[in-house]
Amino acid sequence: MDIKEISEMVDNLVSDTTIPKNIRKALSEAKVRLDSNDEKSVKISAAIYLIESITEDINMPAHARTQIWAIMSALEALNERT
């Protein structure tokens, strides 16, 4: 999986209105970082940090939590390859 595919997964969550606004905002910020012109490892680390901050939010719907963990796994796998 590459950054573009992960970015699309994040997009799907950001457009899901059943997810609380604070979670969508953090995901949106992570997407901006992924789409930036920074070095690949910097982009991935910044996105992981932003998404990690919301993983334990008690208001997160179960379906979103599953997708967020899939995104985190993909990002961490990418980070290990860089």
N, C-alpha and C. Protein backbone atom coordinates (compact mmCIF):
# COMPACT_ATOMS: atom_id res chain seq x y z
N MET A 1 0.85 -1.18 0.00
CA MET A 1 0.00 0.00 0.00
C MET A 1 0.90 1.25 0.00
N ASP A 2 0.53 2.25 -0.78
CA ASP A 2 1.34 3.46 -0.83
C ASP A 2 0.62 4.64 -0.16
N ILE A 3 1.30 5.77 -0.10
CA ILE A 3 0.75 6.94 0.58
C ILE A 3 -0.55 7.40 -0.05
N LYS A 4 -0.64 7.32 -1.38
CA LYS A 4 -1.85 7.76 -2.08
C LYS A 4 -3.06 6.92 -1.64
N GLU A 5 -2.89 5.61 -1.55
CA GLU A 5 -3.98 4.73 -1.13
C GLU A 5 -4.40 5.00 0.32
N ILE A 6 -3.42 5.22 1.17
CA ILE A 6 -3.71 5.53 2.57
C ILE A 6 -4.45 6.86 2.67
N SER A 7 -4.02 7.82 1.88
CA SER A 7 -4.66 9.14 1.85
C SER A 7 -6.13 9.02 1.44
N GLU A 8 -6.41 8.13 0.49
CA GLU A 8 -7.79 7.90 0.07
C GLU A 8 -8.61 7.26 1.19
N MET A 9 -8.01 6.36 1.95
CA MET A 9 -8.70 5.74 3.08
C MET A 9 -9.05 6.81 4.12
N VAL A 10 -8.12 7.72 4.36
CA VAL A 10 -8.36 8.81 5.31
C VAL A 10 -9.49 9.71 4.79
N ASP A 11 -9.48 9.99 3.49
CA ASP A 11 -10.53 10.78 2.86
C ASP A 11 -11.92 10.20 3.13
N ASN A 12 -12.02 8.88 3.00
CA ASN A 12 -13.31 8.21 3.23
C ASN A 12 -13.81 8.45 4.65
N LEU A 13 -12.91 8.41 5.61
CA LEU A 13 -13.30 8.65 7.00
C LEU A 13 -13.67 10.11 7.24
N VAL A 14 -12.91 11.02 6.63
CA VAL A 14 -13.17 12.45 6.81
C VAL A 14 -14.56 12.82 6.28
N SER A 15 -14.99 12.15 5.22
CA SER A 15 -16.30 12.46 4.63
C SER A 15 -17.46 11.75 5.34
N ASP A 16 -17.16 10.88 6.29
CA ASP A 16 -18.19 10.15 7.04
C ASP A 16 -18.73 11.03 8.17
N THR A 17 -19.96 11.48 8.02
CA THR A 17 -20.54 12.40 9.00
C THR A 17 -20.98 11.72 10.30
N THR A 18 -20.89 10.39 10.37
CA THR A 18 -21.23 9.70 11.62
C THR A 18 -20.05 9.74 12.60
N ILE A 19 -18.91 10.19 12.11
CA ILE A 19 -17.71 10.29 12.95
C ILE A 19 -17.67 11.69 13.56
N PRO A 20 -17.42 11.80 14.87
CA PRO A 20 -17.37 13.11 15.52
C PRO A 20 -16.39 14.08 14.85
N LYS A 21 -16.73 15.36 14.94
CA LYS A 21 -15.97 16.41 14.27
C LYS A 21 -14.50 16.46 14.68
N ASN A 22 -14.21 16.26 15.97
CA ASN A 22 -12.81 16.34 16.42
C ASN A 22 -11.96 15.22 15.81
N ILE A 23 -12.55 14.07 15.60
CA ILE A 23 -11.84 12.95 14.99
C ILE A 23 -11.61 13.24 13.51
N ARG A 24 -12.64 13.73 12.83
CA ARG A 24 -12.49 14.08 11.41
C ARG A 24 -11.46 15.18 11.21
N LYS A 25 -11.38 16.11 12.16
CA LYS A 25 -10.41 17.21 12.07
C LYS A 25 -8.98 16.66 12.17
N ALA A 26 -8.76 15.76 13.11
CA ALA A 26 -7.42 15.16 13.26
C ALA A 26 -7.05 14.34 12.02
N LEU A 27 -8.03 13.62 11.47
CA LEU A 27 -7.78 12.85 10.26
C LEU A 27 -7.47 13.77 9.08
N SER A 28 -8.19 14.88 9.03
CA SER A 28 -7.97 15.87 7.97
C SER A 28 -6.55 16.44 8.04
N GLU A 29 -6.11 16.74 9.25
CA GLU A 29 -4.75 17.25 9.45
C GLU A 29 -3.72 16.20 9.05
N ALA A 30 -4.00 14.93 9.36
CA ALA A 30 -3.09 13.85 8.99
C ALA A 30 -3.01 13.73 7.47
N LYS A 31 -4.13 13.91 6.80
CA LYS A 31 -4.15 13.84 5.34
C LYS A 31 -3.32 14.98 4.73
N VAL A 32 -3.43 16.16 5.30
CA VAL A 32 -2.63 17.30 4.82
C VAL A 32 -1.15 16.96 4.94
N ARG A 33 -0.77 16.35 6.05
CA ARG A 33 0.63 15.96 6.24
C ARG A 33 1.06 14.91 5.22
N LEU A 34 0.19 13.94 4.96
CA LEU A 34 0.52 12.89 3.99
C LEU A 34 0.67 13.46 2.58
N ASP A 35 -0.12 14.48 2.27
CA ASP A 35 -0.08 15.07 0.93
C ASP A 35 0.96 16.17 0.79
N SER A 36 1.69 16.46 1.87
CA SER A 36 2.68 17.54 1.84
C SER A 36 3.92 17.13 1.03
N ASN A 37 4.80 18.06 0.85
CA ASN A 37 6.04 17.80 0.10
C ASN A 37 7.21 17.45 1.01
N ASP A 38 6.91 17.14 2.26
CA ASP A 38 7.96 16.75 3.21
C ASP A 38 8.59 15.43 2.80
N GLU A 39 9.70 15.12 3.43
CA GLU A 39 10.34 13.82 3.22
C GLU A 39 9.36 12.72 3.63
N LYS A 40 9.40 11.59 2.93
CA LYS A 40 8.43 10.52 3.14
C LYS A 40 8.33 10.08 4.61
N SER A 41 9.47 9.87 5.26
CA SER A 41 9.43 9.40 6.65
C SER A 41 8.85 10.46 7.59
N VAL A 42 9.07 11.73 7.27
CA VAL A 42 8.52 12.82 8.09
C VAL A 42 7.00 12.86 7.94
N LYS A 43 6.53 12.73 6.69
CA LYS A 43 5.07 12.74 6.43
C LYS A 43 4.39 11.61 7.19
N ILE A 44 4.96 10.43 7.08
CA ILE A 44 4.35 9.25 7.70
C ILE A 44 4.36 9.38 9.22
N SER A 45 5.47 9.80 9.79
CA SER A 45 5.56 9.95 11.25
C SER A 45 4.58 10.98 11.78
N ALA A 46 4.44 12.10 11.06
CA ALA A 46 3.51 13.15 11.48
C ALA A 46 2.07 12.64 11.42
N ALA A 47 1.74 11.89 10.37
CA ALA A 47 0.38 11.35 10.24
C ALA A 47 0.10 10.34 11.35
N ILE A 48 1.08 9.48 11.63
CA ILE A 48 0.91 8.49 12.71
C ILE A 48 0.66 9.21 14.04
N TYR A 49 1.44 10.23 14.31
CA TYR A 49 1.30 10.99 15.56
C TYR A 49 -0.10 11.59 15.67
N LEU A 50 -0.58 12.20 14.61
CA LEU A 50 -1.91 12.84 14.64
C LEU A 50 -3.03 11.81 14.80
N ILE A 51 -2.92 10.71 14.10
CA ILE A 51 -3.97 9.69 14.18
C ILE A 51 -3.93 8.97 15.52
N GLU A 52 -2.72 8.75 16.03
CA GLU A 52 -2.57 8.08 17.33
C GLU A 52 -3.28 8.86 18.44
N SER A 53 -3.30 10.18 18.31
CA SER A 53 -3.91 11.01 19.35
C SER A 53 -5.42 10.80 19.47
N ILE A 54 -6.05 10.23 18.45
CA ILE A 54 -7.51 10.04 18.50
C ILE A 54 -7.93 8.59 18.64
N THR A 55 -6.98 7.67 18.64
CA THR A 55 -7.35 6.25 18.63
C THR A 55 -8.12 5.81 19.87
N GLU A 56 -7.94 6.48 20.97
CA GLU A 56 -8.62 6.07 22.20
C GLU A 56 -9.85 6.93 22.52
N ASP A 57 -10.30 7.72 21.56
CA ASP A 57 -11.47 8.58 21.77
C ASP A 57 -12.70 7.70 22.00
N ILE A 58 -13.37 7.91 23.13
CA ILE A 58 -14.52 7.07 23.49
C ILE A 58 -15.75 7.31 22.60
N ASN A 59 -15.76 8.42 21.90
CA ASN A 59 -16.90 8.74 21.03
C ASN A 59 -16.77 8.18 19.62
N MET A 60 -15.67 7.49 19.36
CA MET A 60 -15.45 6.98 18.02
C MET A 60 -16.32 5.75 17.74
N PRO A 61 -17.06 5.77 16.63
CA PRO A 61 -17.86 4.60 16.25
C PRO A 61 -16.94 3.40 15.97
N ALA A 62 -17.45 2.21 16.20
CA ALA A 62 -16.66 0.98 16.04
C ALA A 62 -16.13 0.82 14.63
N HIS A 63 -16.95 1.13 13.62
CA HIS A 63 -16.49 0.97 12.24
C HIS A 63 -15.32 1.90 11.92
N ALA A 64 -15.33 3.09 12.50
CA ALA A 64 -14.25 4.05 12.28
C ALA A 64 -12.98 3.58 12.98
N ARG A 65 -13.13 3.03 14.15
CA ARG A 65 -11.96 2.55 14.91
C ARG A 65 -11.23 1.46 14.10
N THR A 66 -12.00 0.56 13.52
CA THR A 66 -11.42 -0.52 12.72
C THR A 66 -10.65 0.05 11.52
N GLN A 67 -11.25 1.02 10.84
CA GLN A 67 -10.59 1.63 9.68
C GLN A 67 -9.34 2.41 10.10
N ILE A 68 -9.42 3.08 11.23
CA ILE A 68 -8.27 3.85 11.70
C ILE A 68 -7.10 2.92 12.05
N TRP A 69 -7.39 1.78 12.64
CA TRP A 69 -6.32 0.83 12.95
C TRP A 69 -5.72 0.27 11.67
N ALA A 70 -6.54 0.08 10.64
CA ALA A 70 -6.02 -0.39 9.34
C ALA A 70 -5.09 0.67 8.74
N ILE A 71 -5.48 1.94 8.86
CA ILE A 71 -4.65 3.04 8.36
C ILE A 71 -3.34 3.10 9.13
N MET A 72 -3.42 2.98 10.45
CA MET A 72 -2.22 3.01 11.28
C MET A 72 -1.27 1.87 10.91
N SER A 73 -1.82 0.68 10.71
CA SER A 73 -0.99 -0.47 10.34
C SER A 73 -0.29 -0.23 9.01
N ALA A 74 -1.02 0.31 8.05
CA ALA A 74 -0.45 0.59 6.73
C ALA A 74 0.65 1.64 6.83
N LEU A 75 0.40 2.68 7.63
CA LEU A 75 1.41 3.73 7.80
C LEU A 75 2.67 3.19 8.47
N GLU A 76 2.49 2.36 9.49
CA GLU A 76 3.64 1.81 10.20
C GLU A 76 4.43 0.86 9.29
N ALA A 77 3.73 0.10 8.46
CA ALA A 77 4.42 -0.78 7.51
C ALA A 77 5.23 0.05 6.51
N LEU A 78 4.64 1.12 6.04
CA LEU A 78 5.34 2.02 5.11
C LEU A 78 6.56 2.65 5.78
N ASN A 79 6.38 3.05 7.02
CA ASN A 79 7.45 3.71 7.77
C ASN A 79 8.64 2.76 7.96
N GLU A 80 8.36 1.48 8.15
CA GLU A 80 9.43 0.51 8.33
C GLU A 80 10.23 0.30 7.06
N ARG A 81 9.58 0.52 5.90
CA ARG A 81 10.25 0.32 4.62
C ARG A 81 11.11 1.52 4.20
N THR A 82 10.92 2.69 4.89
CA THR A 82 11.68 3.87 4.49
C THR A 82 12.99 3.97 5.22
